Amino acid sequence: AAIKFLNTGQACICPNRLFVQRGLADAFIATMTDRFKALKAGSGMTDGVTVGPLIEAKAMEKMERQVADALEKGAKVATGGERLKIDGLGDNFYAPTLLTDVTPDMLIYREETFGPIAPVIVYDTEDEVIAMANDTEYGLASYLYTNNLSRAIRVAERLKFGMVGINDINPTSAAAPFGGVKQSGLGVEGARQGMHEYLDTKLLGISV
């Protein structure tokens, strides 16, 4: 919940899809529903506010389009799913939304959301969830949660993402390389690896 709503979901490392093992799904959805409902939308200058506005009208249109498409194809709204109007602040706020019964044919499964909507996809096996997680054109950040160290390393190595947070919602720092793969970019920022992006390599060929 914390990383999903970073900047109201408008950050490049916000997760777009939440994959949950079937045996944990009911408890996970109940917990997240309570947390989402506790979030308060409004001005960041007001104490207690945790969710701000979307950056523009087009962003709001994307939220409404993705939710409408998901509902039409069988998804359910656990909480949220609507535009909010905050007195004196306009109507560019969208309620923190949790969607369940999300499937691969839905727009929200394929498109980057960049907003306060979290779709839950249930899986059964490790191989299944890795295949679903990698089934995207994006590849910046991914996250996994487990108490099994062997599983953590095994899954992290198979995930096709530039960064993997293991029980960590923000695996970034100035001393660490930041960057993705696939359509999420080439190269990295930060750390010594990031410095190499600004350097040219010169080859000297010497015949003696």
Protein backbone atom coordinates (compact mmCIF):
# COMPACT_ATOMS: atom_id res chain seq x y z
CA ALA A 1 0.00 0.00 0.00
CA ALA A 2 2.82 2.40 0.84
CA ILE A 3 4.70 2.08 -2.42
CA LYS A 4 1.52 1.87 -4.52
CA PHE A 5 0.44 5.34 -3.38
CA LEU A 6 3.80 7.07 -3.60
CA ASN A 7 2.89 10.43 -5.19
CA THR A 8 -0.67 9.10 -5.59
CA GLY A 9 0.69 6.23 -7.67
CA GLN A 10 2.43 8.67 -10.02
CA ALA A 11 5.99 7.42 -9.59
CA CYS A 12 7.95 5.21 -11.95
CA ILE A 13 8.58 2.52 -9.32
CA CYS A 14 4.96 2.19 -8.20
CA PRO A 15 3.75 -1.38 -8.79
CA ASN A 16 1.12 -1.73 -11.48
CA ARG A 17 -0.07 -5.24 -10.65
CA LEU A 18 -0.28 -7.15 -7.35
CA PHE A 19 0.13 -10.92 -7.72
CA VAL A 20 -1.14 -12.82 -4.68
CA GLN A 21 -0.95 -16.54 -3.97
CA ARG A 22 -4.43 -18.04 -3.91
CA GLY A 23 -4.24 -19.26 -0.32
CA LEU A 24 -3.44 -15.73 0.89
CA ALA A 25 -5.77 -13.83 -1.40
CA ASP A 26 -8.77 -13.36 0.92
CA ALA A 27 -6.65 -12.13 3.84
CA PHE A 28 -4.57 -9.92 1.55
CA ILE A 29 -7.61 -8.30 -0.06
CA ALA A 30 -9.26 -7.70 3.32
CA THR A 31 -6.11 -6.09 4.73
CA MET A 32 -5.50 -3.92 1.69
CA THR A 33 -9.14 -2.87 1.53
CA ASP A 34 -8.91 -1.57 5.11
CA ARG A 35 -5.66 0.26 4.34
CA PHE A 36 -7.02 1.81 1.15
CA LYS A 37 -10.16 3.02 2.93
CA ALA A 38 -8.03 4.67 5.62
CA LEU A 39 -6.27 6.87 3.05
CA LYS A 40 -7.49 10.45 2.86
CA ALA A 41 -7.50 12.53 -0.31
CA GLY A 42 -6.96 16.26 -0.28
CA SER A 43 -4.33 18.99 -0.12
CA GLY A 44 -0.84 17.95 0.91
CA MET A 45 -0.78 21.02 3.16
CA THR A 46 -3.49 19.47 5.35
CA ASP A 47 -2.60 17.18 8.23
CA GLY A 48 -3.74 13.60 7.74
CA VAL A 49 -3.98 13.79 3.94
CA THR A 50 -2.18 10.90 2.24
CA VAL A 51 -3.42 11.04 -1.37
CA GLY A 52 -3.15 14.02 -3.68
CA PRO A 53 -4.56 14.87 -7.12
CA LEU A 54 -3.73 13.37 -10.48
CA ILE A 55 -1.46 15.50 -12.58
CA GLU A 56 -3.93 16.28 -15.41
CA ALA A 57 -7.32 15.51 -16.90
CA LYS A 58 -5.84 12.87 -19.24
CA ALA A 59 -4.60 10.95 -16.21
CA MET A 60 -8.12 10.95 -14.78
CA GLU A 61 -9.48 9.72 -18.11
CA LYS A 62 -7.03 6.80 -17.98
CA MET A 63 -8.18 5.83 -14.46
CA GLU A 64 -11.82 5.85 -15.51
CA ARG A 65 -11.09 3.97 -18.75
CA GLN A 66 -9.08 1.24 -17.06
CA VAL A 67 -11.61 0.70 -14.29
CA ALA A 68 -14.58 0.68 -16.68
CA ASP A 69 -12.81 -1.82 -18.93
CA ALA A 70 -11.95 -4.08 -15.99
CA LEU A 71 -15.50 -4.05 -14.62
CA GLU A 72 -16.94 -4.77 -18.05
CA LYS A 73 -14.69 -7.84 -18.29
CA GLY A 74 -15.56 -9.24 -14.87
CA ALA A 75 -13.39 -7.48 -12.30
CA LYS A 76 -14.86 -6.30 -8.98
CA VAL A 77 -14.20 -3.18 -6.92
CA ALA A 78 -13.20 -3.97 -3.35
CA THR A 79 -13.01 -0.26 -2.55
CA GLY A 80 -12.85 3.04 -4.45
CA GLY A 81 -13.48 3.06 -8.17
CA GLU A 82 -14.73 6.62 -8.47
CA ARG A 83 -13.73 10.22 -9.00
CA LEU A 84 -13.63 12.40 -5.88
CA LYS A 85 -14.50 16.06 -5.60
CA ILE A 86 -12.60 17.89 -2.88
CA ASP A 87 -14.06 21.25 -1.85
CA GLY A 88 -11.95 24.07 -3.21
CA LEU A 89 -9.54 21.70 -4.96
CA GLY A 90 -11.49 20.59 -8.01
CA ASP A 91 -12.32 17.10 -9.18
CA ASN A 92 -8.95 15.76 -10.31
CA PHE A 93 -8.84 13.28 -7.44
CA TYR A 94 -9.46 9.55 -7.81
CA ALA A 95 -10.34 7.35 -4.87
CA PRO A 96 -7.72 4.78 -3.79
CA THR A 97 -9.01 1.73 -5.64
CA LEU A 98 -8.51 -1.99 -5.19
CA LEU A 99 -9.70 -4.24 -8.01
CA THR A 100 -10.10 -8.01 -7.69
CA ASP A 101 -10.68 -10.81 -10.21
CA VAL A 102 -8.35 -9.08 -12.67
CA THR A 103 -7.39 -11.07 -15.78
CA PRO A 104 -4.81 -10.66 -18.58
CA ASP A 105 -7.39 -9.44 -21.11
CA MET A 106 -8.00 -6.22 -19.18
CA LEU A 107 -6.33 -2.90 -20.00
CA ILE A 108 -5.13 -2.45 -16.44
CA TYR A 109 -3.21 -5.71 -16.70
CA ARG A 110 -1.31 -4.43 -19.76
CA GLU A 111 -1.10 -0.66 -19.45
CA GLU A 112 0.88 1.32 -16.93
CA THR A 113 -1.66 2.95 -14.62
CA PHE A 114 0.32 5.78 -12.99
CA GLY A 115 -2.46 6.42 -10.52
CA PRO A 116 -4.10 5.18 -7.30
CA ILE A 117 -5.50 1.90 -8.63
CA ALA A 118 -4.20 -1.53 -7.59
CA PRO A 119 -5.35 -4.65 -9.48
CA VAL A 120 -5.05 -8.00 -7.70
CA ILE A 121 -4.25 -11.09 -9.76
CA VAL A 122 -4.38 -14.49 -8.05
CA TYR A 123 -1.89 -17.23 -8.88
CA ASP A 124 -1.20 -20.81 -7.81
CA THR A 125 2.42 -21.71 -8.55
CA GLU A 126 5.80 -19.99 -8.58
CA ASP A 127 6.32 -20.66 -12.28
CA GLU A 128 2.90 -19.22 -13.05
CA VAL A 129 3.48 -15.94 -11.24
CA ILE A 130 6.94 -15.45 -12.73
CA ALA A 131 5.51 -15.93 -16.22
CA MET A 132 2.73 -13.42 -15.51
CA ALA A 133 5.09 -10.89 -13.93
CA ASN A 134 7.42 -11.05 -16.93
CA ASP A 135 4.52 -10.79 -19.37
CA THR A 136 4.86 -7.04 -19.83
CA GLU A 137 6.75 -4.66 -22.09
CA TYR A 138 7.95 -2.76 -19.02
CA GLY A 139 10.90 -3.75 -16.87
CA LEU A 140 11.88 -1.10 -14.34
CA ALA A 141 11.05 -2.31 -10.82
CA SER A 142 9.45 -5.39 -9.31
CA TYR A 143 8.88 -6.57 -5.77
CA LEU A 144 8.54 -9.91 -4.04
CA TYR A 145 7.68 -10.85 -0.48
CA THR A 146 8.74 -14.14 1.10
CA ASN A 147 10.31 -15.59 4.24
CA ASN A 148 12.25 -18.14 2.17
CA LEU A 149 15.70 -16.86 1.21
CA SER A 150 16.27 -19.53 -1.44
CA ARG A 151 12.97 -18.64 -3.09
CA ALA A 152 13.78 -14.93 -2.90
CA ILE A 153 17.05 -15.35 -4.81
CA ARG A 154 15.62 -17.87 -7.26
CA VAL A 155 12.63 -15.70 -8.17
CA ALA A 156 14.62 -12.45 -8.28
CA GLU A 157 17.03 -13.99 -10.77
CA ARG A 158 14.14 -15.03 -13.04
CA LEU A 159 12.31 -11.69 -12.97
CA LYS A 160 13.10 -9.64 -16.08
CA PHE A 161 13.34 -6.27 -14.36
CA GLY A 162 16.20 -3.89 -13.76
CA MET A 163 15.47 -3.67 -10.03
CA VAL A 164 13.94 -6.16 -7.61
CA GLY A 165 12.91 -5.28 -4.06
CA ILE A 166 12.88 -8.33 -1.78
CA ASN A 167 10.64 -7.51 1.18
CA ASP A 168 11.66 -3.93 0.39
CA ILE A 169 9.32 -1.27 -0.99
CA ASN A 170 12.10 1.04 -2.21
CA PRO A 171 15.28 -0.72 -3.35
CA THR A 172 16.93 2.51 -4.46
CA SER A 173 19.57 4.91 -3.16
CA ALA A 174 22.12 7.35 -4.56
CA ALA A 175 24.79 4.66 -4.19
CA ALA A 176 22.83 2.06 -6.18
CA PRO A 177 22.33 1.84 -9.96
CA PHE A 178 18.80 2.83 -11.03
CA GLY A 179 17.44 1.62 -14.34
CA GLY A 180 15.25 -0.84 -16.20
CA VAL A 181 15.15 -3.23 -19.12
CA LYS A 182 12.84 -3.81 -22.10
CA GLN A 183 10.76 -0.66 -22.78
CA SER A 184 11.80 0.85 -19.44
CA GLY A 185 15.07 2.12 -20.84
CA LEU A 186 18.72 1.36 -21.48
CA GLY A 187 21.51 1.93 -19.01
CA VAL A 188 21.33 3.17 -15.44
CA GLU A 189 21.60 6.28 -13.31
CA GLY A 190 23.46 6.47 -10.03
CA ALA A 191 26.46 4.63 -8.59
CA ARG A 192 29.66 3.99 -10.56
CA GLN A 193 27.64 2.30 -13.29
CA GLY A 194 25.70 5.50 -13.85
CA MET A 195 28.91 7.49 -14.31
CA HIS A 196 29.86 5.24 -17.21
CA GLU A 197 26.82 6.53 -19.14
CA TYR A 198 28.53 9.95 -19.34
CA LEU A 199 31.96 8.68 -20.41
CA ASP A 200 33.37 7.80 -23.80
CA THR A 201 35.65 4.83 -24.31
CA LYS A 202 38.73 5.41 -26.43
CA LEU A 203 40.58 2.55 -28.09
CA LEU A 204 44.23 2.87 -29.02
CA GLY A 205 45.49 0.46 -31.65
CA ILE A 206 49.33 0.40 -31.74
CA SER A 207 51.32 -1.40 -34.39
CA VAL A 208 54.96 -2.05 -33.52
